[in-house]
Amino acid sequence: MDVKDIVQFPPIVLRPPSELPAPAGPTGDAHPFAGVLKSSIEEVNNLQQKAEAAISALATGEKASLHDTMIAMEQADLSFRMMMQVRNKIVDAYQEIMRMQV
């Protein structure tokens, strides 16, 4: 398991709107949010599959550590719960926009 220290992450740099990259044109990615969302869902799915494999390995008596299995299960659970909260916020935002259009 790769755990990064908080000081290893690059600092957040806020740029004025004039320095932000231009929106994607016809040749670029038209929906970058959709790509980010899709990759996040794939990552959650990968964690779920790793947890299932760890559980199977532990149940069949293969060389699997109980600690590693529990860590994989908790990572999968936490990432799934986070994904559900993001989904709930997206649905709430969509419903708010629909209410504003009425």
PDB file of N, CA and C in Angstrom:
ATOM      1  N   MET A   1       0.847  -1.177   0.000  1.00  0.00           N
ATOM      2  CA  MET A   1       0.000   0.000   0.000  1.00  0.00           C
ATOM      3  C   MET A   1       0.884   1.229   0.000  1.00  0.00           C
ATOM      4  N   ASP A   2       0.580   2.164  -0.860  1.00  0.00           N
ATOM      5  CA  ASP A   2       1.369   3.368  -1.014  1.00  0.00           C
ATOM      6  C   ASP A   2       0.654   4.521  -0.326  1.00  0.00           C
ATOM      7  N   VAL A   3       1.220   4.970   0.792  1.00  0.00           N
ATOM      8  CA  VAL A   3       0.642   6.089   1.532  1.00  0.00           C
ATOM      9  C   VAL A   3       1.583   7.269   1.380  1.00  0.00           C
ATOM     10  N   LYS A   4       1.051   8.386   0.895  1.00  0.00           N
ATOM     11  CA  LYS A   4       1.875   9.564   0.675  1.00  0.00           C
ATOM     12  C   LYS A   4       1.688  10.545   1.827  1.00  0.00           C
ATOM     13  N   ASP A   5       2.794  11.128   2.203  1.00  0.00           N
ATOM     14  CA  ASP A   5       2.759  12.162   3.221  1.00  0.00           C
ATOM     15  C   ASP A   5       2.164  13.428   2.612  1.00  0.00           C
ATOM     16  N   ILE A   6       1.499  14.227   3.422  1.00  0.00           N
ATOM     17  CA  ILE A   6       0.823  15.414   2.910  1.00  0.00           C
ATOM     18  C   ILE A   6       1.815  16.419   2.332  1.00  0.00           C
ATOM     19  N   VAL A   7       3.051  16.392   2.792  1.00  0.00           N
ATOM     20  CA  VAL A   7       4.033  17.336   2.266  1.00  0.00           C
ATOM     21  C   VAL A   7       4.544  16.912   0.895  1.00  0.00           C
ATOM     22  N   GLN A   8       4.239  15.701   0.443  1.00  0.00           N
ATOM     23  CA  GLN A   8       4.683  15.235  -0.856  1.00  0.00           C
ATOM     24  C   GLN A   8       3.800  15.765  -1.983  1.00  0.00           C
ATOM     25  N   PHE A   9       2.630  16.243  -1.679  1.00  0.00           N
ATOM     26  CA  PHE A   9       1.736  16.741  -2.700  1.00  0.00           C
ATOM     27  C   PHE A   9       2.168  18.144  -3.124  1.00  0.00           C
ATOM     28  N   PRO A  10       1.996  18.478  -4.401  1.00  0.00           N
ATOM     29  CA  PRO A  10       2.395  19.817  -4.842  1.00  0.00           C
ATOM     30  C   PRO A  10       1.482  20.869  -4.232  1.00  0.00           C
ATOM     31  N   PRO A  11       1.998  22.065  -4.019  1.00  0.00           N
ATOM     32  CA  PRO A  11       1.163  23.116  -3.438  1.00  0.00           C
ATOM     33  C   PRO A  11       0.078  23.554  -4.419  1.00  0.00           C
ATOM     34  N   ILE A  12      -1.011  24.036  -3.863  1.00  0.00           N
ATOM     35  CA  ILE A  12      -2.121  24.532  -4.674  1.00  0.00           C
ATOM     36  C   ILE A  12      -1.801  25.955  -5.094  1.00  0.00           C
ATOM     37  N   VAL A  13      -1.881  26.182  -6.386  1.00  0.00           N
ATOM     38  CA  VAL A  13      -1.591  27.505  -6.924  1.00  0.00           C
ATOM     39  C   VAL A  13      -2.868  28.043  -7.556  1.00  0.00           C
ATOM     40  N   LEU A  14      -3.339  29.173  -7.034  1.00  0.00           N
ATOM     41  CA  LEU A  14      -4.533  29.801  -7.587  1.00  0.00           C
ATOM     42  C   LEU A  14      -4.095  30.791  -8.653  1.00  0.00           C
ATOM     43  N   ARG A  15      -4.701  30.657  -9.839  1.00  0.00           N
ATOM     44  CA  ARG A  15      -4.367  31.548 -10.948  1.00  0.00           C
ATOM     45  C   ARG A  15      -5.571  32.413 -11.275  1.00  0.00           C
ATOM     46  N   PRO A  16      -5.314  33.633 -11.719  1.00  0.00           N
ATOM     47  CA  PRO A  16      -6.431  34.480 -12.143  1.00  0.00           C
ATOM     48  C   PRO A  16      -7.088  33.889 -13.388  1.00  0.00           C
ATOM     49  N   PRO A  17      -8.361  34.198 -13.624  1.00  0.00           N
ATOM     50  CA  PRO A  17      -9.068  33.626 -14.770  1.00  0.00           C
ATOM     51  C   PRO A  17      -8.385  33.871 -16.105  1.00  0.00           C
ATOM     52  N   SER A  18      -7.644  34.956 -16.229  1.00  0.00           N
ATOM     53  CA  SER A  18      -6.980  35.242 -17.504  1.00  0.00           C
ATOM     54  C   SER A  18      -5.876  34.232 -17.817  1.00  0.00           C
ATOM     55  N   GLU A  19      -5.353  33.562 -16.794  1.00  0.00           N
ATOM     56  CA  GLU A  19      -4.280  32.595 -16.999  1.00  0.00           C
ATOM     57  C   GLU A  19      -4.779  31.158 -17.103  1.00  0.00           C
ATOM     58  N   LEU A  20      -6.056  30.949 -16.943  1.00  0.00           N
ATOM     59  CA  LEU A  20      -6.603  29.592 -17.019  1.00  0.00           C
ATOM     60  C   LEU A  20      -6.593  29.108 -18.459  1.00  0.00           C
ATOM     61  N   PRO A  21      -6.443  27.791 -18.657  1.00  0.00           N
ATOM     62  CA  PRO A  21      -6.456  27.279 -20.025  1.00  0.00           C
ATOM     63  C   PRO A  21      -7.822  27.477 -20.669  1.00  0.00           C
ATOM     64  N   ALA A  22      -7.804  27.623 -21.985  1.00  0.00           N
ATOM     65  CA  ALA A  22      -9.052  27.820 -22.717  1.00  0.00           C
ATOM     66  C   ALA A  22      -9.870  26.540 -22.691  1.00  0.00           C
ATOM     67  N   PRO A  23     -11.205  26.651 -22.766  1.00  0.00           N
ATOM     68  CA  PRO A  23     -12.033  25.448 -22.806  1.00  0.00           C
ATOM     69  C   PRO A  23     -11.683  24.593 -24.015  1.00  0.00           C
ATOM     70  N   ALA A  24     -11.918  23.308 -23.896  1.00  0.00           N
ATOM     71  CA  ALA A  24     -11.578  22.385 -24.972  1.00  0.00           C
ATOM     72  C   ALA A  24     -12.414  22.678 -26.201  1.00  0.00           C
ATOM     73  N   GLY A  25     -11.768  22.673 -27.324  1.00  0.00           N
ATOM     74  CA  GLY A  25     -12.451  22.919 -28.589  1.00  0.00           C
ATOM     75  C   GLY A  25     -12.937  21.617 -29.185  1.00  0.00           C
ATOM     76  N   PRO A  26     -13.256  21.647 -30.486  1.00  0.00           N
ATOM     77  CA  PRO A  26     -13.761  20.445 -31.138  1.00  0.00           C
ATOM     78  C   PRO A  26     -12.752  19.310 -31.174  1.00  0.00           C
ATOM     79  N   THR A  27     -11.456  19.626 -31.106  1.00  0.00           N
ATOM     80  CA  THR A  27     -10.454  18.558 -31.150  1.00  0.00           C
ATOM     81  C   THR A  27     -10.108  18.046 -29.760  1.00  0.00           C
ATOM     82  N   GLY A  28     -10.392  18.809 -28.722  1.00  0.00           N
ATOM     83  CA  GLY A  28     -10.055  18.414 -27.359  1.00  0.00           C
ATOM     84  C   GLY A  28     -11.181  17.629 -26.704  1.00  0.00           C
ATOM     85  N   ASP A  29     -10.990  17.353 -25.424  1.00  0.00           N
ATOM     86  CA  ASP A  29     -12.005  16.649 -24.645  1.00  0.00           C
ATOM     87  C   ASP A  29     -13.144  17.620 -24.354  1.00  0.00           C
ATOM     88  N   ALA A  30     -14.318  17.354 -24.909  1.00  0.00           N
ATOM     89  CA  ALA A  30     -15.450  18.258 -24.775  1.00  0.00           C
ATOM     90  C   ALA A  30     -16.039  18.241 -23.374  1.00  0.00           C
ATOM     91  N   HIS A  31     -15.865  17.144 -22.655  1.00  0.00           N
ATOM     92  CA  HIS A  31     -16.453  16.997 -21.328  1.00  0.00           C
ATOM     93  C   HIS A  31     -15.392  16.494 -20.348  1.00  0.00           C
ATOM     94  N   PRO A  32     -14.505  17.376 -19.876  1.00  0.00           N
ATOM     95  CA  PRO A  32     -13.458  16.904 -18.965  1.00  0.00           C
ATOM     96  C   PRO A  32     -14.022  16.370 -17.651  1.00  0.00           C
ATOM     97  N   PHE A  33     -15.154  16.932 -17.188  1.00  0.00           N
ATOM     98  CA  PHE A  33     -15.745  16.444 -15.946  1.00  0.00           C
ATOM     99  C   PHE A  33     -16.197  14.999 -16.099  1.00  0.00           C
ATOM    100  N   ALA A  34     -16.747  14.675 -17.260  1.00  0.00           N
ATOM    101  CA  ALA A  34     -17.188  13.298 -17.503  1.00  0.00           C
ATOM    102  C   ALA A  34     -16.001  12.342 -17.463  1.00  0.00           C
ATOM    103  N   GLY A  35     -14.863  12.772 -17.995  1.00  0.00           N
ATOM    104  CA  GLY A  35     -13.667  11.932 -17.967  1.00  0.00           C
ATOM    105  C   GLY A  35     -13.161  11.710 -16.549  1.00  0.00           C
ATOM    106  N   VAL A  36     -13.175  12.767 -15.762  1.00  0.00           N
ATOM    107  CA  VAL A  36     -12.749  12.652 -14.364  1.00  0.00           C
ATOM    108  C   VAL A  36     -13.697  11.733 -13.603  1.00  0.00           C
ATOM    109  N   LEU A  37     -14.985  11.894 -13.835  1.00  0.00           N
ATOM    110  CA  LEU A  37     -15.971  11.066 -13.161  1.00  0.00           C
ATOM    111  C   LEU A  37     -15.818   9.600 -13.559  1.00  0.00           C
ATOM    112  N   LYS A  38     -15.602   9.363 -14.841  1.00  0.00           N
ATOM    113  CA  LYS A  38     -15.439   7.993 -15.324  1.00  0.00           C
ATOM    114  C   LYS A  38     -14.196   7.344 -14.725  1.00  0.00           C
ATOM    115  N   SER A  39     -13.083   8.072 -14.691  1.00  0.00           N
ATOM    116  CA  SER A  39     -11.868   7.495 -14.118  1.00  0.00           C
ATOM    117  C   SER A  39     -12.015   7.249 -12.621  1.00  0.00           C
ATOM    118  N   SER A  40     -12.759   8.100 -11.931  1.00  0.00           N
ATOM    119  CA  SER A  40     -13.002   7.896 -10.498  1.00  0.00           C
ATOM    120  C   SER A  40     -13.836   6.639 -10.266  1.00  0.00           C
ATOM    121  N   ILE A  41     -14.845   6.445 -11.083  1.00  0.00           N
ATOM    122  CA  ILE A  41     -15.681   5.250 -10.953  1.00  0.00           C
ATOM    123  C   ILE A  41     -14.869   3.997 -11.247  1.00  0.00           C
ATOM    124  N   GLU A  42     -13.989   4.069 -12.253  1.00  0.00           N
ATOM    125  CA  GLU A  42     -13.130   2.922 -12.557  1.00  0.00           C
ATOM    126  C   GLU A  42     -12.193   2.615 -11.397  1.00  0.00           C
ATOM    127  N   GLU A  43     -11.668   3.646 -10.753  1.00  0.00           N
ATOM    128  CA  GLU A  43     -10.784   3.441  -9.609  1.00  0.00           C
ATOM    129  C   GLU A  43     -11.532   2.791  -8.448  1.00  0.00           C
ATOM    130  N   VAL A  44     -12.757   3.238  -8.196  1.00  0.00           N
ATOM    131  CA  VAL A  44     -13.570   2.617  -7.143  1.00  0.00           C
ATOM    132  C   VAL A  44     -13.830   1.154  -7.487  1.00  0.00           C
ATOM    133  N   ASN A  45     -14.112   0.880  -8.743  1.00  0.00           N
ATOM    134  CA  ASN A  45     -14.345  -0.498  -9.175  1.00  0.00           C
ATOM    135  C   ASN A  45     -13.089  -1.347  -8.978  1.00  0.00           C
ATOM    136  N   ASN A  46     -11.923  -0.793  -9.311  1.00  0.00           N
ATOM    137  CA  ASN A  46     -10.676  -1.531  -9.112  1.00  0.00           C
ATOM    138  C   ASN A  46     -10.443  -1.850  -7.644  1.00  0.00           C
ATOM    139  N   LEU A  47     -10.721  -0.895  -6.776  1.00  0.00           N
ATOM    140  CA  LEU A  47     -10.564  -1.143  -5.336  1.00  0.00           C
ATOM    141  C   LEU A  47     -11.530  -2.210  -4.845  1.00  0.00           C
ATOM    142  N   GLN A  48     -12.759  -2.196  -5.382  1.00  0.00           N
ATOM    143  CA  GLN A  48     -13.737  -3.224  -5.009  1.00  0.00           C
ATOM    144  C   GLN A  48     -13.249  -4.602  -5.446  1.00  0.00           C
ATOM    145  N   GLN A  49     -12.693  -4.689  -6.654  1.00  0.00           N
ATOM    146  CA  GLN A  49     -12.195  -5.970  -7.157  1.00  0.00           C
ATOM    147  C   GLN A  49     -10.997  -6.459  -6.353  1.00  0.00           C
ATOM    148  N   LYS A  50     -10.109  -5.545  -5.960  1.00  0.00           N
ATOM    149  CA  LYS A  50      -8.966  -5.925  -5.126  1.00  0.00           C
ATOM    150  C   LYS A  50      -9.433  -6.454  -3.775  1.00  0.00           C
ATOM    151  N   ALA A  51     -10.444  -5.813  -3.210  1.00  0.00           N
ATOM    152  CA  ALA A  51     -10.971  -6.262  -1.927  1.00  0.00           C
ATOM    153  C   ALA A  51     -11.597  -7.651  -2.063  1.00  0.00           C
ATOM    154  N   GLU A  52     -12.345  -7.877  -3.135  1.00  0.00           N
ATOM    155  CA  GLU A  52     -12.938  -9.194  -3.369  1.00  0.00           C
ATOM    156  C   GLU A  52     -11.860 -10.263  -3.527  1.00  0.00           C
ATOM    157  N   ALA A  53     -10.800  -9.943  -4.257  1.00  0.00           N
ATOM    158  CA  ALA A  53      -9.705 -10.893  -4.443  1.00  0.00           C
ATOM    159  C   ALA A  53      -9.007 -11.186  -3.121  1.00  0.00           C
ATOM    160  N   ALA A  54      -8.825 -10.164  -2.298  1.00  0.00           N
ATOM    161  CA  ALA A  54      -8.186 -10.357  -0.993  1.00  0.00           C
ATOM    162  C   ALA A  54      -9.050 -11.218  -0.085  1.00  0.00           C
ATOM    163  N   ILE A  55     -10.359 -11.011  -0.126  1.00  0.00           N
ATOM    164  CA  ILE A  55     -11.276 -11.824   0.685  1.00  0.00           C
ATOM    165  C   ILE A  55     -11.236 -13.273   0.221  1.00  0.00           C
ATOM    166  N   SER A  56     -11.248 -13.481  -1.084  1.00  0.00           N
ATOM    167  CA  SER A  56     -11.198 -14.846  -1.624  1.00  0.00           C
ATOM    168  C   SER A  56      -9.893 -15.531  -1.247  1.00  0.00           C
ATOM    169  N   ALA A  57      -8.788 -14.794  -1.342  1.00  0.00           N
ATOM    170  CA  ALA A  57      -7.488 -15.369  -0.994  1.00  0.00           C
ATOM    171  C   ALA A  57      -7.429 -15.736   0.487  1.00  0.00           C
ATOM    172  N   LEU A  58      -8.001 -14.909   1.323  1.00  0.00           N
ATOM    173  CA  LEU A  58      -8.011 -15.202   2.758  1.00  0.00           C
ATOM    174  C   LEU A  58      -8.913 -16.387   3.066  1.00  0.00           C
ATOM    175  N   ALA A  59     -10.071 -16.451   2.418  1.00  0.00           N
ATOM    176  CA  ALA A  59     -11.028 -17.529   2.679  1.00  0.00           C
ATOM    177  C   ALA A  59     -10.523 -18.889   2.186  1.00  0.00           C
ATOM    178  N   THR A  60      -9.750 -18.894   1.105  1.00  0.00           N
ATOM    179  CA  THR A  60      -9.261 -20.157   0.555  1.00  0.00           C
ATOM    180  C   THR A  60      -7.950 -20.599   1.196  1.00  0.00           C
ATOM    181  N   GLY A  61      -7.395 -19.788   2.066  1.00  0.00           N
ATOM    182  CA  GLY A  61      -6.180 -20.177   2.770  1.00  0.00           C
ATOM    183  C   GLY A  61      -4.903 -19.864   2.021  1.00  0.00           C
ATOM    184  N   GLU A  62      -4.997 -19.098   0.970  1.00  0.00           N
ATOM    185  CA  GLU A  62      -3.783 -18.695   0.270  1.00  0.00           C
ATOM    186  C   GLU A  62      -2.969 -17.782   1.172  1.00  0.00           C
ATOM    187  N   LYS A  63      -1.791 -17.442   0.728  1.00  0.00           N
ATOM    188  CA  LYS A  63      -0.941 -16.565   1.528  1.00  0.00           C
ATOM    189  C   LYS A  63      -1.493 -15.148   1.488  1.00  0.00           C
ATOM    190  N   ALA A  64      -2.435 -14.879   2.337  1.00  0.00           N
ATOM    191  CA  ALA A  64      -3.049 -13.554   2.424  1.00  0.00           C
ATOM    192  C   ALA A  64      -3.079 -13.138   3.889  1.00  0.00           C
ATOM    193  N   SER A  65      -2.677 -11.934   4.122  1.00  0.00           N
ATOM    194  CA  SER A  65      -2.657 -11.401   5.474  1.00  0.00           C
ATOM    195  C   SER A  65      -4.039 -10.857   5.832  1.00  0.00           C
ATOM    196  N   LEU A  66      -4.452 -11.099   7.050  1.00  0.00           N
ATOM    197  CA  LEU A  66      -5.720 -10.559   7.522  1.00  0.00           C
ATOM    198  C   LEU A  66      -5.679  -9.037   7.514  1.00  0.00           C
ATOM    199  N   HIS A  67      -4.524  -8.472   7.868  1.00  0.00           N
ATOM    200  CA  HIS A  67      -4.391  -7.014   7.886  1.00  0.00           C
ATOM    201  C   HIS A  67      -4.536  -6.424   6.486  1.00  0.00           C
ATOM    202  N   ASP A  68      -3.863  -7.048   5.511  1.00  0.00           N
ATOM    203  CA  ASP A  68      -3.962  -6.553   4.139  1.00  0.00           C
ATOM    204  C   ASP A  68      -5.386  -6.673   3.611  1.00  0.00           C
ATOM    205  N   THR A  69      -6.057  -7.752   3.991  1.00  0.00           N
ATOM    206  CA  THR A  69      -7.442  -7.943   3.565  1.00  0.00           C
ATOM    207  C   THR A  69      -8.348  -6.870   4.158  1.00  0.00           C
ATOM    208  N   MET A  70      -8.173  -6.590   5.426  1.00  0.00           N
ATOM    209  CA  MET A  70      -8.997  -5.564   6.076  1.00  0.00           C
ATOM    210  C   MET A  70      -8.699  -4.181   5.502  1.00  0.00           C
ATOM    211  N   ILE A  71      -7.443  -3.910   5.201  1.00  0.00           N
ATOM    212  CA  ILE A  71      -7.089  -2.615   4.609  1.00  0.00           C
ATOM    213  C   ILE A  71      -7.737  -2.477   3.242  1.00  0.00           C
ATOM    214  N   ALA A  72      -7.684  -3.541   2.428  1.00  0.00           N
ATOM    215  CA  ALA A  72      -8.300  -3.502   1.100  1.00  0.00           C
ATOM    216  C   ALA A  72      -9.808  -3.301   1.217  1.00  0.00           C
ATOM    217  N   MET A  73     -10.432  -3.968   2.184  1.00  0.00           N
ATOM    218  CA  MET A  73     -11.877  -3.821   2.376  1.00  0.00           C
ATOM    219  C   MET A  73     -12.233  -2.404   2.802  1.00  0.00           C
ATOM    220  N   GLU A  74     -11.461  -1.831   3.704  1.00  0.00           N
ATOM    221  CA  GLU A  74     -11.740  -0.471   4.172  1.00  0.00           C
ATOM    222  C   GLU A  74     -11.509   0.558   3.075  1.00  0.00           C
ATOM    223  N   GLN A  75     -10.457   0.355   2.266  1.00  0.00           N
ATOM    224  CA  GLN A  75     -10.228   1.269   1.150  1.00  0.00           C
ATOM    225  C   GLN A  75     -11.396   1.225   0.178  1.00  0.00           C
ATOM    226  N   ALA A  76     -11.871   0.021  -0.128  1.00  0.00           N
ATOM    227  CA  ALA A  76     -12.993  -0.119  -1.055  1.00  0.00           C
ATOM    228  C   ALA A  76     -14.252   0.515  -0.474  1.00  0.00           C
ATOM    229  N   ASP A  77     -14.495   0.282   0.810  1.00  0.00           N
ATOM    230  CA  ASP A  77     -15.687   0.836   1.458  1.00  0.00           C
ATOM    231  C   ASP A  77     -15.637   2.357   1.496  1.00  0.00           C
ATOM    232  N   LEU A  78     -14.500   2.892   1.878  1.00  0.00           N
ATOM    233  CA  LEU A  78     -14.372   4.343   1.982  1.00  0.00           C
ATOM    234  C   LEU A  78     -14.497   5.009   0.610  1.00  0.00           C
ATOM    235  N   SER A  79     -13.868   4.419  -0.405  1.00  0.00           N
ATOM    236  CA  SER A  79     -13.957   5.010  -1.740  1.00  0.00           C
ATOM    237  C   SER A  79     -15.378   4.923  -2.282  1.00  0.00           C
ATOM    238  N   PHE A  80     -16.084   3.835  -1.976  1.00  0.00           N
ATOM    239  CA  PHE A  80     -17.466   3.706  -2.433  1.00  0.00           C
ATOM    240  C   PHE A  80     -18.368   4.728  -1.752  1.00  0.00           C
ATOM    241  N   ARG A  81     -18.186   4.894  -0.439  1.00  0.00           N
ATOM    242  CA  ARG A  81     -19.001   5.883   0.274  1.00  0.00           C
ATOM    243  C   ARG A  81     -18.716   7.300  -0.220  1.00  0.00           C
ATOM    244  N   MET A  82     -17.451   7.588  -0.525  1.00  0.00           N
ATOM    245  CA  MET A  82     -17.105   8.897  -1.069  1.00  0.00           C
ATOM    246  C   MET A  82     -17.764   9.095  -2.427  1.00  0.00           C
ATOM    247  N   MET A  83     -17.716   8.065  -3.271  1.00  0.00           N
ATOM    248  CA  MET A  83     -18.340   8.162  -4.588  1.00  0.00           C
ATOM    249  C   MET A  83     -19.842   8.402  -4.454  1.00  0.00           C
ATOM    250  N   MET A  84     -20.488   7.761  -3.504  1.00  0.00           N
ATOM    251  CA  MET A  84     -21.924   7.950  -3.309  1.00  0.00           C
ATOM    252  C   MET A  84     -22.229   9.370  -2.839  1.00  0.00           C
ATOM    253  N   GLN A  85     -21.380   9.946  -2.004  1.00  0.00           N
ATOM    254  CA  GLN A  85     -21.598  11.318  -1.564  1.00  0.00           C
ATOM    255  C   GLN A  85     -21.429  12.300  -2.725  1.00  0.00           C
ATOM    256  N   VAL A  86     -20.437  12.046  -3.576  1.00  0.00           N
ATOM    257  CA  VAL A  86     -20.261  12.894  -4.754  1.00  0.00           C
ATOM    258  C   VAL A  86     -21.470  12.769  -5.663  1.00  0.00           C
ATOM    259  N   ARG A  87     -21.954  11.550  -5.854  1.00  0.00           N
ATOM    260  CA  ARG A  87     -23.153  11.338  -6.683  1.00  0.00           C
ATOM    261  C   ARG A  87     -24.335  12.097  -6.097  1.00  0.00           C
ATOM    262  N   ASN A  88     -24.510  12.026  -4.789  1.00  0.00           N
ATOM    263  CA  ASN A  88     -25.617  12.732  -4.149  1.00  0.00           C
ATOM    264  C   ASN A  88     -25.513  14.243  -4.365  1.00  0.00           C
ATOM    265  N   LYS A  89     -24.303  14.786  -4.272  1.00  0.00           N
ATOM    266  CA  LYS A  89     -24.117  16.223  -4.493  1.00  0.00           C
ATOM    267  C   LYS A  89     -24.417  16.584  -5.946  1.00  0.00           C
ATOM    268  N   ILE A  90     -24.026  15.734  -6.884  1.00  0.00           N
ATOM    269  CA  ILE A  90     -24.307  15.994  -8.299  1.00  0.00           C
ATOM    270  C   ILE A  90     -25.805  15.984  -8.548  1.00  0.00           C
ATOM    271  N   VAL A  91     -26.511  15.014  -7.973  1.00  0.00           N
ATOM    272  CA  VAL A  91     -27.959  14.928  -8.144  1.00  0.00           C
ATOM    273  C   VAL A  91     -28.632  16.144  -7.510  1.00  0.00           C
ATOM    274  N   ASP A  92     -28.181  16.553  -6.332  1.00  0.00           N
ATOM    275  CA  ASP A  92     -28.748  17.744  -5.690  1.00  0.00           C
ATOM    276  C   ASP A  92     -28.535  18.998  -6.538  1.00  0.00           C
ATOM    277  N   ALA A  93     -27.344  19.138  -7.114  1.00  0.00           N
ATOM    278  CA  ALA A  93     -27.068  20.294  -7.970  1.00  0.00           C
ATOM    279  C   ALA A  93     -27.956  20.269  -9.206  1.00  0.00           C
ATOM    280  N   TYR A  94     -28.125  19.111  -9.798  1.00  0.00           N
ATOM    281  CA  TYR A  94     -28.989  18.982 -10.977  1.00  0.00           C
ATOM    282  C   TYR A  94     -30.434  19.348 -10.635  1.00  0.00           C
ATOM    283  N   GLN A  95     -30.929  18.854  -9.483  1.00  0.00           N
ATOM    284  CA  GLN A  95     -32.285  19.166  -9.094  1.00  0.00           C
ATOM    285  C   GLN A  95     -32.468  20.653  -8.804  1.00  0.00           C
ATOM    286  N   GLU A  96     -31.443  21.275  -8.227  1.00  0.00           N
ATOM    287  CA  GLU A  96     -31.500  22.714  -7.970  1.00  0.00           C
ATOM    288  C   GLU A  96     -31.549  23.487  -9.276  1.00  0.00           C
ATOM    289  N   ILE A  97     -30.777  23.075 -10.254  1.00  0.00           N
ATOM    290  CA  ILE A  97     -30.796  23.744 -11.561  1.00  0.00           C
ATOM    291  C   ILE A  97     -32.178  23.562 -12.212  1.00  0.00           C
ATOM    292  N   MET A  98     -32.755  22.397 -12.105  1.00  0.00           N
ATOM    293  CA  MET A  98     -34.082  22.160 -12.682  1.00  0.00           C
ATOM    294  C   MET A  98     -35.135  23.026 -11.995  1.00  0.00           C
ATOM    295  N   ARG A  99     -35.001  23.235 -10.694  1.00  0.00           N
ATOM    296  CA  ARG A  99     -35.953  24.097  -9.976  1.00  0.00           C
ATOM    297  C   ARG A  99     -35.801  25.553 -10.412  1.00  0.00           C
ATOM    298  N   MET A 100     -34.585  25.956 -10.737  1.00  0.00           N
ATOM    299  CA  MET A 100     -34.363  27.341 -11.147  1.00  0.00           C
ATOM    300  C   MET A 100     -34.953  27.609 -12.532  1.00  0.00           C
ATOM    301  N   GLN A 101     -35.081  26.614 -13.353  1.00  0.00           N
ATOM    302  CA  GLN A 101     -35.580  26.797 -14.714  1.00  0.00           C
ATOM    303  C   GLN A 101     -37.093  26.867 -14.782  1.00  0.00           C
ATOM    304  N   VAL A 102     -37.765  26.513 -13.722  1.00  0.00           N
ATOM    305  CA  VAL A 102     -39.241  26.506 -13.739  1.00  0.00           C
ATOM    306  C   VAL A 102     -39.796  27.881 -13.635  1.00  0.00           C
TER     307      VAL A 102
END
